[in-house]
Structure formats: C-alpha cells, structure tokens
C-alpha cells in the first residue's frame, strides 16, 4: 500500500521491538522480552507504516485462525497524528483480519471510534498496581486443597485452551519460556486448577495470565509468583495485574493485596462475545494481544 510515500508492510522480526519501545513511551509498560512471544503468535500480523522509509506508525493484527484475531499496538508517532496515517494502517490491519471476530483492549476514550469500525463493548479490564512484599501476607498465602508447582507441560495446553477463543500453544510456550519470566501451576488431584506467569516489564513485574478455580487459590498463586521474583530482587516488588472488572473476585484479590487502579481498557469485539470462564480469569495475559 503506497500513498504520498507512505508504505504499509508486515514488520520484519527485528522490527517488532519498535512497537514494544513505542508502547513503553506511551506508558503501557510492556514486558522486557515480549517481542519474540508476540511474533510467535503471528509472524505476519505486525504492520509498520513508513513515510519516506522512516517508521511513523505501527499496529498488530494477530490472526490466531480464520475465525479470531486481536488488534493491538495501534500507535502513530505524535508528530504525525491527525494526518490520516493512523486510519490507513488501521484499515490495513482490519483487512488482514477480514472474516474474523476481532477483539481489542482499547483506551476508554476511543470507544466511540472503535464502535464506528464495528466493535462493541464486552467489559472493562482494570490494571492494578502495588508495591508488595510477600512476608506481609504469610497467613494468606496457602492454597485451598491444591499444591503450587512447576508447570506440567503434559497438562497445561489442555488447561489453557478454555481461556482463549483460539488455539495459541506456540505463543503460550514462548510466553512462559521468556528469560525474565516465571510460570507456576496449581494442581489438585492430579489436575491443573490454576496457572500464572510473572515477567519483568519496563517498570516492575506483571502477572499475566493468572487463572484459578477460586479467589483463595488465585491469591496464593500470585504471592508464590511474587516470591519467586523476591529471590533475585532486594526489597519490595512493584507488581501489575490486568483484571477483568466483571470478575468481582479478581478485583477483590487485587485490592486485598493493597493494589490500586492504574488505568483501564475497554475489551471490545466485532462479533459475538467469546464464551470464556471469566470467573476463573484473575488476570489477562496482555492488553496487546489478548
């Protein structure tokens, strides 16, 4: 696509870091090693807009399969906003996802603009932030009838599948294999009943995803993940969790840890809202790709 020396194409693998760095400048606090995981999700789904061969716009349009996709990293460099470049790369992303039910986590102020493109609000996601020390929660860190352990690779794919509208095993494997990440399971009677990942971000650490069969187990899992970070970090740990607001138990867990609201996003879809176990979703993996 070319107009007025503006060209939109798929990013090369090495260019995904441009989107990560611009997201950091926007205050979105991406993970330090997220780029490879995102690229694994869809190597063709990251688009870059070049004006006179200089990058001025980015967007991700992750096509998980023919039925579901997710939009993220929609950023235009500030000095080029309001000139139509963002609309052009948006159109290219939506064309790539044509035929899919498309999801996104957008800033609340842009909801009306997203509605014009066919998106409807499903619920809000709330980012909670806190400075935590697990020593303060010793009496609250025991799971209910479950054991916290390393990830069981033989069982985890089947467990994770229920929490996302499409298969993304390759992404999930890379997500927990990041060099700056730790992943843990909860198991009960030989079955997984909880799962979480914590990873280093531009600021602090983010827990996501975090799934559990009950609030007590979700809290125990979160504290266990933070405890793993504490082994290598002196002092309190700055932690973020992105919780679905409609899961009141998830909100209660974040608040019981002394965390407070940092900001929120609008989870929206172009088609039918996926039937997912929101009541067991205590933190989403990523605002950028779902």
C-alpha atoms as a PDB file:
ATOM      1  CA  UNK A   1       0.000   0.000   0.000  1.00  0.00           C
ATOM      2  CA  UNK A   2       1.528   3.328  -1.036  1.00  0.00           C
ATOM      3  CA  UNK A   3       0.300   6.904  -0.964  1.00  0.00           C
ATOM      4  CA  UNK A   4       2.316  10.106  -0.654  1.00  0.00           C
ATOM      5  CA  UNK A   5       5.441   7.993   0.013  1.00  0.00           C
ATOM      6  CA  UNK A   6       3.609   6.224   2.843  1.00  0.00           C
ATOM      7  CA  UNK A   7       4.074   2.455   2.657  1.00  0.00           C
ATOM      8  CA  UNK A   8       2.459  -0.184   4.902  1.00  0.00           C
ATOM      9  CA  UNK A   9       4.023  -3.634   5.109  1.00  0.00           C
ATOM     10  CA  UNK A  10       4.499  -6.534   7.507  1.00  0.00           C
ATOM     11  CA  UNK A  11       7.298  -5.988  10.021  1.00  0.00           C
ATOM     12  CA  UNK A  12      10.482  -7.967   9.918  1.00  0.00           C
ATOM     13  CA  UNK A  13      11.166  -9.925  13.086  1.00  0.00           C
ATOM     14  CA  UNK A  14      13.768  -7.391  14.227  1.00  0.00           C
ATOM     15  CA  UNK A  15      11.263  -4.531  13.869  1.00  0.00           C
ATOM     16  CA  UNK A  16       8.790  -5.802  16.470  1.00  0.00           C
ATOM     17  CA  UNK A  17      10.927  -4.055  19.080  1.00  0.00           C
ATOM     18  CA  UNK A  18       9.861  -0.747  17.506  1.00  0.00           C
ATOM     19  CA  UNK A  19       6.272  -1.446  18.584  1.00  0.00           C
ATOM     20  CA  UNK A  20       7.454  -2.528  22.042  1.00  0.00           C
ATOM     21  CA  UNK A  21       9.528   0.623  22.508  1.00  0.00           C
ATOM     22  CA  UNK A  22       6.764   2.931  21.302  1.00  0.00           C
ATOM     23  CA  UNK A  23       4.312   1.204  23.655  1.00  0.00           C
ATOM     24  CA  UNK A  24       6.728   1.888  26.510  1.00  0.00           C
ATOM     25  CA  UNK A  25       6.822   5.574  25.543  1.00  0.00           C
ATOM     26  CA  UNK A  26       3.013   5.618  25.669  1.00  0.00           C
ATOM     27  CA  UNK A  27       3.187   4.387  29.273  1.00  0.00           C
ATOM     28  CA  UNK A  28       1.781   0.924  28.512  1.00  0.00           C
ATOM     29  CA  UNK A  29       4.663  -0.831  30.311  1.00  0.00           C
ATOM     30  CA  UNK A  30       5.289  -3.844  28.031  1.00  0.00           C
ATOM     31  CA  UNK A  31       7.430  -6.773  29.128  1.00  0.00           C
ATOM     32  CA  UNK A  32      11.171  -6.591  28.529  1.00  0.00           C
ATOM     33  CA  UNK A  33      11.197  -9.757  26.394  1.00  0.00           C
ATOM     34  CA  UNK A  34       7.689  -9.683  24.908  1.00  0.00           C
ATOM     35  CA  UNK A  35       8.688  -9.171  21.265  1.00  0.00           C
ATOM     36  CA  UNK A  36       9.544 -12.783  20.428  1.00  0.00           C
ATOM     37  CA  UNK A  37       6.371 -14.099  22.086  1.00  0.00           C
ATOM     38  CA  UNK A  38       4.211 -11.677  20.118  1.00  0.00           C
ATOM     39  CA  UNK A  39       5.978 -12.547  16.880  1.00  0.00           C
ATOM     40  CA  UNK A  40       5.386 -16.260  17.539  1.00  0.00           C
ATOM     41  CA  UNK A  41       1.660 -15.581  17.792  1.00  0.00           C
ATOM     42  CA  UNK A  42       1.557 -14.457  14.134  1.00  0.00           C
ATOM     43  CA  UNK A  43       4.742 -13.612  12.175  1.00  0.00           C
ATOM     44  CA  UNK A  44       2.638 -11.808   9.558  1.00  0.00           C
ATOM     45  CA  UNK A  45       0.477  -9.834  11.981  1.00  0.00           C
ATOM     46  CA  UNK A  46       2.706  -6.871  12.819  1.00  0.00           C
ATOM     47  CA  UNK A  47       2.361  -3.970  10.393  1.00  0.00           C
ATOM     48  CA  UNK A  48       4.565  -0.910  10.104  1.00  0.00           C
ATOM     49  CA  UNK A  49       3.872   2.339   8.251  1.00  0.00           C
ATOM     50  CA  UNK A  50       6.869   4.019   6.644  1.00  0.00           C
ATOM     51  CA  UNK A  51       6.878   7.637   5.434  1.00  0.00           C
ATOM     52  CA  UNK A  52       9.842   8.237   3.176  1.00  0.00           C
ATOM     53  CA  UNK A  53      11.306   4.977   4.554  1.00  0.00           C
ATOM     54  CA  UNK A  54      11.007   6.174   8.169  1.00  0.00           C
ATOM     55  CA  UNK A  55       8.688   4.318  10.592  1.00  0.00           C
ATOM     56  CA  UNK A  56       5.830   6.536  11.782  1.00  0.00           C
ATOM     57  CA  UNK A  57       3.023   4.068  12.576  1.00  0.00           C
ATOM     58  CA  UNK A  58       2.619   0.529  13.902  1.00  0.00           C
ATOM     59  CA  UNK A  59      -0.208  -1.869  14.652  1.00  0.00           C
ATOM     60  CA  UNK A  60      -0.557  -5.574  15.436  1.00  0.00           C
ATOM     61  CA  UNK A  61      -3.293  -7.673  13.886  1.00  0.00           C
ATOM     62  CA  UNK A  62      -2.785 -11.162  15.268  1.00  0.00           C
ATOM     63  CA  UNK A  63      -4.705 -13.747  13.255  1.00  0.00           C
ATOM     64  CA  UNK A  64      -4.908 -16.774  15.523  1.00  0.00           C
ATOM     65  CA  UNK A  65      -7.000 -18.689  12.992  1.00  0.00           C
ATOM     66  CA  UNK A  66      -9.599 -17.959  10.338  1.00  0.00           C
ATOM     67  CA  UNK A  67     -12.204 -17.127  12.999  1.00  0.00           C
ATOM     68  CA  UNK A  68     -10.458 -14.961  15.604  1.00  0.00           C
ATOM     69  CA  UNK A  69      -7.968 -12.096  15.658  1.00  0.00           C
ATOM     70  CA  UNK A  70      -6.808  -9.390  18.020  1.00  0.00           C
ATOM     71  CA  UNK A  71      -5.732  -5.777  17.436  1.00  0.00           C
ATOM     72  CA  UNK A  72      -3.028  -4.072  19.493  1.00  0.00           C
ATOM     73  CA  UNK A  73      -0.025  -1.746  19.413  1.00  0.00           C
ATOM     74  CA  UNK A  74      -2.016   0.856  17.463  1.00  0.00           C
ATOM     75  CA  UNK A  75       0.410   3.775  17.647  1.00  0.00           C
ATOM     76  CA  UNK A  76       1.282   6.711  15.421  1.00  0.00           C
ATOM     77  CA  UNK A  77       4.264   8.872  16.300  1.00  0.00           C
ATOM     78  CA  UNK A  78       2.878  12.038  17.929  1.00  0.00           C
ATOM     79  CA  UNK A  79       4.102  14.459  15.276  1.00  0.00           C
ATOM     80  CA  UNK A  80       2.260  12.510  12.541  1.00  0.00           C
ATOM     81  CA  UNK A  81      -1.097  12.122  14.267  1.00  0.00           C
ATOM     82  CA  UNK A  82      -4.234  13.644  12.765  1.00  0.00           C
ATOM     83  CA  UNK A  83      -2.928  13.318   9.197  1.00  0.00           C
ATOM     84  CA  UNK A  84      -4.650  10.113   8.160  1.00  0.00           C
ATOM     85  CA  UNK A  85      -1.727   7.736   8.560  1.00  0.00           C
ATOM     86  CA  UNK A  86      -3.263   6.004  11.565  1.00  0.00           C
ATOM     87  CA  UNK A  87      -6.512   5.413   9.700  1.00  0.00           C
ATOM     88  CA  UNK A  88      -4.623   3.880   6.771  1.00  0.00           C
ATOM     89  CA  UNK A  89      -2.707   1.382   8.906  1.00  0.00           C
ATOM     90  CA  UNK A  90      -5.886   0.615  10.873  1.00  0.00           C
ATOM     91  CA  UNK A  91      -7.672  -0.213   7.629  1.00  0.00           C
ATOM     92  CA  UNK A  92      -4.792  -2.448   6.564  1.00  0.00           C
ATOM     93  CA  UNK A  93      -4.931  -4.326   9.872  1.00  0.00           C
ATOM     94  CA  UNK A  94      -8.695  -4.825   9.683  1.00  0.00           C
ATOM     95  CA  UNK A  95      -8.386  -6.004   6.073  1.00  0.00           C
ATOM     96  CA  UNK A  96      -5.826  -8.605   7.175  1.00  0.00           C
ATOM     97  CA  UNK A  97      -8.318  -9.845   9.795  1.00  0.00           C
ATOM     98  CA  UNK A  98     -11.263  -9.833   7.406  1.00  0.00           C
ATOM     99  CA  UNK A  99     -13.747 -12.578   8.285  1.00  0.00           C
ATOM    100  CA  UNK A 100     -12.534 -12.867  11.886  1.00  0.00           C
ATOM    101  CA  UNK A 101     -14.247 -11.924  15.093  1.00  0.00           C
ATOM    102  CA  UNK A 102     -11.748  -9.263  16.193  1.00  0.00           C
ATOM    103  CA  UNK A 103     -11.014  -8.287  19.784  1.00  0.00           C
ATOM    104  CA  UNK A 104      -9.085  -5.403  21.289  1.00  0.00           C
ATOM    105  CA  UNK A 105      -8.318  -3.687  24.578  1.00  0.00           C
ATOM    106  CA  UNK A 106      -8.609  -0.011  23.771  1.00  0.00           C
ATOM    107  CA  UNK A 107      -8.367   3.121  25.831  1.00  0.00           C
ATOM    108  CA  UNK A 108     -11.808   4.034  27.096  1.00  0.00           C
ATOM    109  CA  UNK A 109     -11.829   7.451  25.402  1.00  0.00           C
ATOM    110  CA  UNK A 110     -11.622   5.759  21.971  1.00  0.00           C
ATOM    111  CA  UNK A 111     -14.671   3.518  22.440  1.00  0.00           C
ATOM    112  CA  UNK A 112     -16.841   5.603  20.128  1.00  0.00           C
ATOM    113  CA  UNK A 113     -14.237   5.456  17.370  1.00  0.00           C
ATOM    114  CA  UNK A 114     -13.961   1.693  17.699  1.00  0.00           C
ATOM    115  CA  UNK A 115     -17.744   1.374  17.513  1.00  0.00           C
ATOM    116  CA  UNK A 116     -17.592   3.087  14.127  1.00  0.00           C
ATOM    117  CA  UNK A 117     -15.433   0.162  12.994  1.00  0.00           C
ATOM    118  CA  UNK A 118     -17.967  -2.370  14.274  1.00  0.00           C
ATOM    119  CA  UNK A 119     -16.676  -3.057  17.791  1.00  0.00           C
ATOM    120  CA  UNK A 120     -18.959  -3.407  20.802  1.00  0.00           C
ATOM    121  CA  UNK A 121     -18.025  -3.204  24.484  1.00  0.00           C
ATOM    122  CA  UNK A 122     -17.868  -6.543  26.310  1.00  0.00           C
ATOM    123  CA  UNK A 123     -16.422  -5.404  29.659  1.00  0.00           C
ATOM    124  CA  UNK A 124     -13.649  -3.329  31.175  1.00  0.00           C
ATOM    125  CA  UNK A 125     -10.203  -4.569  32.144  1.00  0.00           C
ATOM    126  CA  UNK A 126      -8.648  -2.812  35.116  1.00  0.00           C
ATOM    127  CA  UNK A 127      -4.887  -2.576  35.623  1.00  0.00           C
ATOM    128  CA  UNK A 128      -3.986  -2.800  39.301  1.00  0.00           C
ATOM    129  CA  UNK A 129      -0.601  -1.728  40.640  1.00  0.00           C
ATOM    130  CA  UNK A 130       1.024  -2.304  44.013  1.00  0.00           C
ATOM    131  CA  UNK A 131       4.372  -2.442  45.799  1.00  0.00           C
ATOM    132  CA  UNK A 132       4.341  -5.791  47.558  1.00  0.00           C
ATOM    133  CA  UNK A 133       6.324  -7.946  49.949  1.00  0.00           C
ATOM    134  CA  UNK A 134       5.037 -11.471  50.393  1.00  0.00           C
ATOM    135  CA  UNK A 135       6.200 -11.527  54.024  1.00  0.00           C
ATOM    136  CA  UNK A 136       3.208  -9.296  54.810  1.00  0.00           C
ATOM    137  CA  UNK A 137       0.799 -11.992  53.570  1.00  0.00           C
ATOM    138  CA  UNK A 138       2.195 -15.154  55.172  1.00  0.00           C
ATOM    139  CA  UNK A 139      -1.144 -16.103  56.699  1.00  0.00           C
ATOM    140  CA  UNK A 140      -2.955 -15.596  53.374  1.00  0.00           C
ATOM    141  CA  UNK A 141      -0.651 -17.465  51.012  1.00  0.00           C
ATOM    142  CA  UNK A 142      -1.875 -21.056  51.369  1.00  0.00           C
ATOM    143  CA  UNK A 143      -3.930 -22.535  48.510  1.00  0.00           C
ATOM    144  CA  UNK A 144      -7.196 -24.321  49.184  1.00  0.00           C
ATOM    145  CA  UNK A 145      -6.609 -28.039  48.703  1.00  0.00           C
ATOM    146  CA  UNK A 146      -4.111 -27.520  45.893  1.00  0.00           C
ATOM    147  CA  UNK A 147      -0.330 -27.653  45.501  1.00  0.00           C
ATOM    148  CA  UNK A 148       1.776 -24.963  43.843  1.00  0.00           C
ATOM    149  CA  UNK A 149       4.349 -26.491  41.496  1.00  0.00           C
ATOM    150  CA  UNK A 150       6.279 -26.034  38.271  1.00  0.00           C
ATOM    151  CA  UNK A 151       4.285 -26.070  35.046  1.00  0.00           C
ATOM    152  CA  UNK A 152       3.146 -29.516  33.947  1.00  0.00           C
ATOM    153  CA  UNK A 153       3.780 -29.343  30.203  1.00  0.00           C
ATOM    154  CA  UNK A 154       1.747 -32.507  29.590  1.00  0.00           C
ATOM    155  CA  UNK A 155      -1.401 -30.932  31.004  1.00  0.00           C
ATOM    156  CA  UNK A 156      -1.041 -27.177  30.536  1.00  0.00           C
ATOM    157  CA  UNK A 157      -2.128 -26.929  26.888  1.00  0.00           C
ATOM    158  CA  UNK A 158      -5.472 -28.563  27.592  1.00  0.00           C
ATOM    159  CA  UNK A 159      -5.995 -26.336  30.620  1.00  0.00           C
ATOM    160  CA  UNK A 160      -5.127 -23.094  28.830  1.00  0.00           C
ATOM    161  CA  UNK A 161      -7.352 -23.794  25.843  1.00  0.00           C
ATOM    162  CA  UNK A 162     -10.546 -22.963  27.752  1.00  0.00           C
ATOM    163  CA  UNK A 163      -9.385 -19.397  28.494  1.00  0.00           C
ATOM    164  CA  UNK A 164      -8.907 -18.138  24.932  1.00  0.00           C
ATOM    165  CA  UNK A 165     -11.131 -18.177  21.824  1.00  0.00           C
ATOM    166  CA  UNK A 166      -8.436 -19.761  19.632  1.00  0.00           C
ATOM    167  CA  UNK A 167      -5.555 -22.190  19.862  1.00  0.00           C
ATOM    168  CA  UNK A 168      -2.254 -20.425  20.591  1.00  0.00           C
ATOM    169  CA  UNK A 169       0.006 -23.095  22.073  1.00  0.00           C
ATOM    170  CA  UNK A 170       3.126 -21.731  20.357  1.00  0.00           C
ATOM    171  CA  UNK A 171       2.636 -18.302  21.908  1.00  0.00           C
ATOM    172  CA  UNK A 172       1.877 -19.751  25.341  1.00  0.00           C
ATOM    173  CA  UNK A 173       5.017 -21.898  25.302  1.00  0.00           C
ATOM    174  CA  UNK A 174       7.230 -18.932  24.399  1.00  0.00           C
ATOM    175  CA  UNK A 175       5.419 -16.657  26.887  1.00  0.00           C
ATOM    176  CA  UNK A 176       6.386 -18.745  29.883  1.00  0.00           C
ATOM    177  CA  UNK A 177       9.848 -19.519  28.455  1.00  0.00           C
ATOM    178  CA  UNK A 178      10.920 -15.858  28.457  1.00  0.00           C
ATOM    179  CA  UNK A 179      14.277 -15.396  30.147  1.00  0.00           C
ATOM    180  CA  UNK A 180      12.779 -12.886  32.599  1.00  0.00           C
ATOM    181  CA  UNK A 181       9.650 -14.894  33.440  1.00  0.00           C
ATOM    182  CA  UNK A 182       8.490 -17.497  35.936  1.00  0.00           C
ATOM    183  CA  UNK A 183       5.475 -19.762  35.481  1.00  0.00           C
ATOM    184  CA  UNK A 184       3.718 -21.888  38.105  1.00  0.00           C
ATOM    185  CA  UNK A 185       0.776 -24.301  38.287  1.00  0.00           C
ATOM    186  CA  UNK A 186      -1.739 -25.184  40.921  1.00  0.00           C
ATOM    187  CA  UNK A 187      -2.612 -28.886  40.921  1.00  0.00           C
ATOM    188  CA  UNK A 188      -5.341 -30.753  42.751  1.00  0.00           C
ATOM    189  CA  UNK A 189      -5.960 -34.493  42.469  1.00  0.00           C
ATOM    190  CA  UNK A 190      -3.551 -34.695  39.547  1.00  0.00           C
ATOM    191  CA  UNK A 191      -5.301 -31.955  37.572  1.00  0.00           C
ATOM    192  CA  UNK A 192      -4.349 -28.329  36.957  1.00  0.00           C
ATOM    193  CA  UNK A 193      -6.644 -25.886  38.739  1.00  0.00           C
ATOM    194  CA  UNK A 194      -4.564 -22.742  38.348  1.00  0.00           C
ATOM    195  CA  UNK A 195      -1.785 -21.234  36.280  1.00  0.00           C
ATOM    196  CA  UNK A 196       0.155 -17.973  36.300  1.00  0.00           C
ATOM    197  CA  UNK A 197       3.135 -16.214  34.745  1.00  0.00           C
ATOM    198  CA  UNK A 198       5.097 -13.256  36.101  1.00  0.00           C
ATOM    199  CA  UNK A 199       7.556 -11.362  33.906  1.00  0.00           C
ATOM    200  CA  UNK A 200       9.783  -8.313  34.157  1.00  0.00           C
ATOM    201  CA  UNK A 201       8.454  -5.183  32.445  1.00  0.00           C
ATOM    202  CA  UNK A 202       9.803  -1.733  31.696  1.00  0.00           C
ATOM    203  CA  UNK A 203       8.651  -0.896  35.218  1.00  0.00           C
ATOM    204  CA  UNK A 204       8.297  -3.649  37.810  1.00  0.00           C
ATOM    205  CA  UNK A 205       6.709  -7.021  37.105  1.00  0.00           C
ATOM    206  CA  UNK A 206       3.410  -8.039  35.569  1.00  0.00           C
ATOM    207  CA  UNK A 207       1.407 -11.132  36.454  1.00  0.00           C
ATOM    208  CA  UNK A 208      -0.473 -12.351  33.436  1.00  0.00           C
ATOM    209  CA  UNK A 209      -2.169 -14.541  32.780  1.00  0.00           C
ATOM    210  CA  UNK A 210      -3.391 -15.785  36.122  1.00  0.00           C
ATOM    211  CA  UNK A 211      -6.171 -18.377  36.160  1.00  0.00           C
ATOM    212  CA  UNK A 212      -7.563 -20.224  39.169  1.00  0.00           C
ATOM    213  CA  UNK A 213     -10.613 -22.133  40.318  1.00  0.00           C
ATOM    214  CA  UNK A 214     -11.208 -19.790  43.274  1.00  0.00           C
ATOM    215  CA  UNK A 215     -10.052 -16.483  44.755  1.00  0.00           C
ATOM    216  CA  UNK A 216      -8.031 -18.107  47.530  1.00  0.00           C
ATOM    217  CA  UNK A 217      -6.023 -20.122  45.036  1.00  0.00           C
ATOM    218  CA  UNK A 218      -5.554 -17.134  42.745  1.00  0.00           C
ATOM    219  CA  UNK A 219      -4.140 -15.096  45.619  1.00  0.00           C
ATOM    220  CA  UNK A 220      -1.858 -17.932  46.734  1.00  0.00           C
ATOM    221  CA  UNK A 221      -0.596 -18.328  43.179  1.00  0.00           C
ATOM    222  CA  UNK A 222       0.042 -14.589  42.789  1.00  0.00           C
ATOM    223  CA  UNK A 223       2.004 -14.496  46.045  1.00  0.00           C
ATOM    224  CA  UNK A 224       4.015 -17.561  45.008  1.00  0.00           C
ATOM    225  CA  UNK A 225       4.949 -15.867  41.726  1.00  0.00           C
ATOM    226  CA  UNK A 226       5.988 -12.683  43.535  1.00  0.00           C
ATOM    227  CA  UNK A 227       8.014 -14.793  45.963  1.00  0.00           C
ATOM    228  CA  UNK A 228       9.988 -16.192  43.031  1.00  0.00           C
ATOM    229  CA  UNK A 229      10.884 -12.649  41.966  1.00  0.00           C
ATOM    230  CA  UNK A 230      11.890 -11.743  45.516  1.00  0.00           C
ATOM    231  CA  UNK A 231      14.647 -14.355  45.355  1.00  0.00           C
ATOM    232  CA  UNK A 232      16.508 -12.102  42.934  1.00  0.00           C
ATOM    233  CA  UNK A 233      15.258  -8.625  43.869  1.00  0.00           C
ATOM    234  CA  UNK A 234      16.137  -6.727  47.015  1.00  0.00           C
ATOM    235  CA  UNK A 235      13.212  -5.047  48.740  1.00  0.00           C
ATOM    236  CA  UNK A 236       9.549  -4.732  47.732  1.00  0.00           C
ATOM    237  CA  UNK A 237       8.395  -5.636  44.220  1.00  0.00           C
ATOM    238  CA  UNK A 238       6.269  -3.361  42.035  1.00  0.00           C
ATOM    239  CA  UNK A 239       3.551  -5.600  40.591  1.00  0.00           C
ATOM    240  CA  UNK A 240       0.803  -5.122  37.985  1.00  0.00           C
ATOM    241  CA  UNK A 241      -2.227  -7.330  37.270  1.00  0.00           C
ATOM    242  CA  UNK A 242      -4.770  -6.682  34.494  1.00  0.00           C
ATOM    243  CA  UNK A 243      -8.101  -7.934  35.853  1.00  0.00           C
ATOM    244  CA  UNK A 244     -11.472  -8.308  34.095  1.00  0.00           C
ATOM    245  CA  UNK A 245     -13.730  -5.929  36.025  1.00  0.00           C
ATOM    246  CA  UNK A 246     -16.730  -8.233  35.708  1.00  0.00           C
ATOM    247  CA  UNK A 247     -14.876 -10.847  37.783  1.00  0.00           C
ATOM    248  CA  UNK A 248     -15.544  -9.272  41.166  1.00  0.00           C
ATOM    249  CA  UNK A 249     -13.415 -11.945  42.880  1.00  0.00           C
ATOM    250  CA  UNK A 250     -10.403 -10.888  40.786  1.00  0.00           C
ATOM    251  CA  UNK A 251     -10.923  -7.255  41.767  1.00  0.00           C
ATOM    252  CA  UNK A 252     -11.213  -8.318  45.417  1.00  0.00           C
ATOM    253  CA  UNK A 253      -7.952 -10.287  45.243  1.00  0.00           C
ATOM    254  CA  UNK A 254      -6.067  -7.310  43.795  1.00  0.00           C
ATOM    255  CA  UNK A 255      -7.491  -4.970  46.414  1.00  0.00           C
ATOM    256  CA  UNK A 256      -6.753  -7.450  49.237  1.00  0.00           C
ATOM    257  CA  UNK A 257      -3.103  -7.249  48.196  1.00  0.00           C
ATOM    258  CA  UNK A 258      -3.215  -3.484  48.688  1.00  0.00           C
ATOM    259  CA  UNK A 259      -3.126  -2.763  44.959  1.00  0.00           C
ATOM    260  CA  UNK A 260      -4.806   0.279  43.425  1.00  0.00           C
ATOM    261  CA  UNK A 261      -6.180   1.125  39.981  1.00  0.00           C
ATOM    262  CA  UNK A 262      -3.577   2.398  37.500  1.00  0.00           C
ATOM    263  CA  UNK A 263      -5.824   2.633  34.417  1.00  0.00           C
ATOM    264  CA  UNK A 264      -8.449   0.716  32.487  1.00  0.00           C
ATOM    265  CA  UNK A 265      -9.197  -0.503  28.987  1.00  0.00           C
ATOM    266  CA  UNK A 266     -12.337  -1.407  27.081  1.00  0.00           C
ATOM    267  CA  UNK A 267     -12.447  -5.044  25.886  1.00  0.00           C
ATOM    268  CA  UNK A 268     -14.407  -4.936  22.654  1.00  0.00           C
ATOM    269  CA  UNK A 269     -15.280  -7.366  19.859  1.00  0.00           C
ATOM    270  CA  UNK A 270     -16.642  -7.072  16.334  1.00  0.00           C
ATOM    271  CA  UNK A 271     -18.651 -10.289  16.670  1.00  0.00           C
ATOM    272  CA  UNK A 272     -20.190 -12.446  19.360  1.00  0.00           C
ATOM    273  CA  UNK A 273     -18.501 -12.140  22.729  1.00  0.00           C
ATOM    274  CA  UNK A 274     -16.479 -15.331  23.288  1.00  0.00           C
ATOM    275  CA  UNK A 275     -17.855 -17.626  25.987  1.00  0.00           C
ATOM    276  CA  UNK A 276     -14.847 -17.765  28.309  1.00  0.00           C
ATOM    277  CA  UNK A 277     -14.525 -18.614  32.031  1.00  0.00           C
ATOM    278  CA  UNK A 278     -14.173 -15.002  33.197  1.00  0.00           C
ATOM    279  CA  UNK A 279     -14.964 -16.124  36.755  1.00  0.00           C
ATOM    280  CA  UNK A 280     -11.680 -18.073  36.754  1.00  0.00           C
ATOM    281  CA  UNK A 281      -9.688 -15.349  34.957  1.00  0.00           C
ATOM    282  CA  UNK A 282      -7.947 -13.250  37.587  1.00  0.00           C
ATOM    283  CA  UNK A 283      -5.533 -11.576  35.171  1.00  0.00           C
ATOM    284  CA  UNK A 284      -5.263 -11.474  31.366  1.00  0.00           C
ATOM    285  CA  UNK A 285      -2.003 -12.222  29.570  1.00  0.00           C
ATOM    286  CA  UNK A 286      -1.678  -8.987  27.641  1.00  0.00           C
ATOM    287  CA  UNK A 287      -3.720  -5.958  26.625  1.00  0.00           C
ATOM    288  CA  UNK A 288      -1.818  -6.013  23.322  1.00  0.00           C
ATOM    289  CA  UNK A 289      -2.789  -9.472  22.074  1.00  0.00           C
ATOM    290  CA  UNK A 290      -5.492 -10.712  24.425  1.00  0.00           C
END
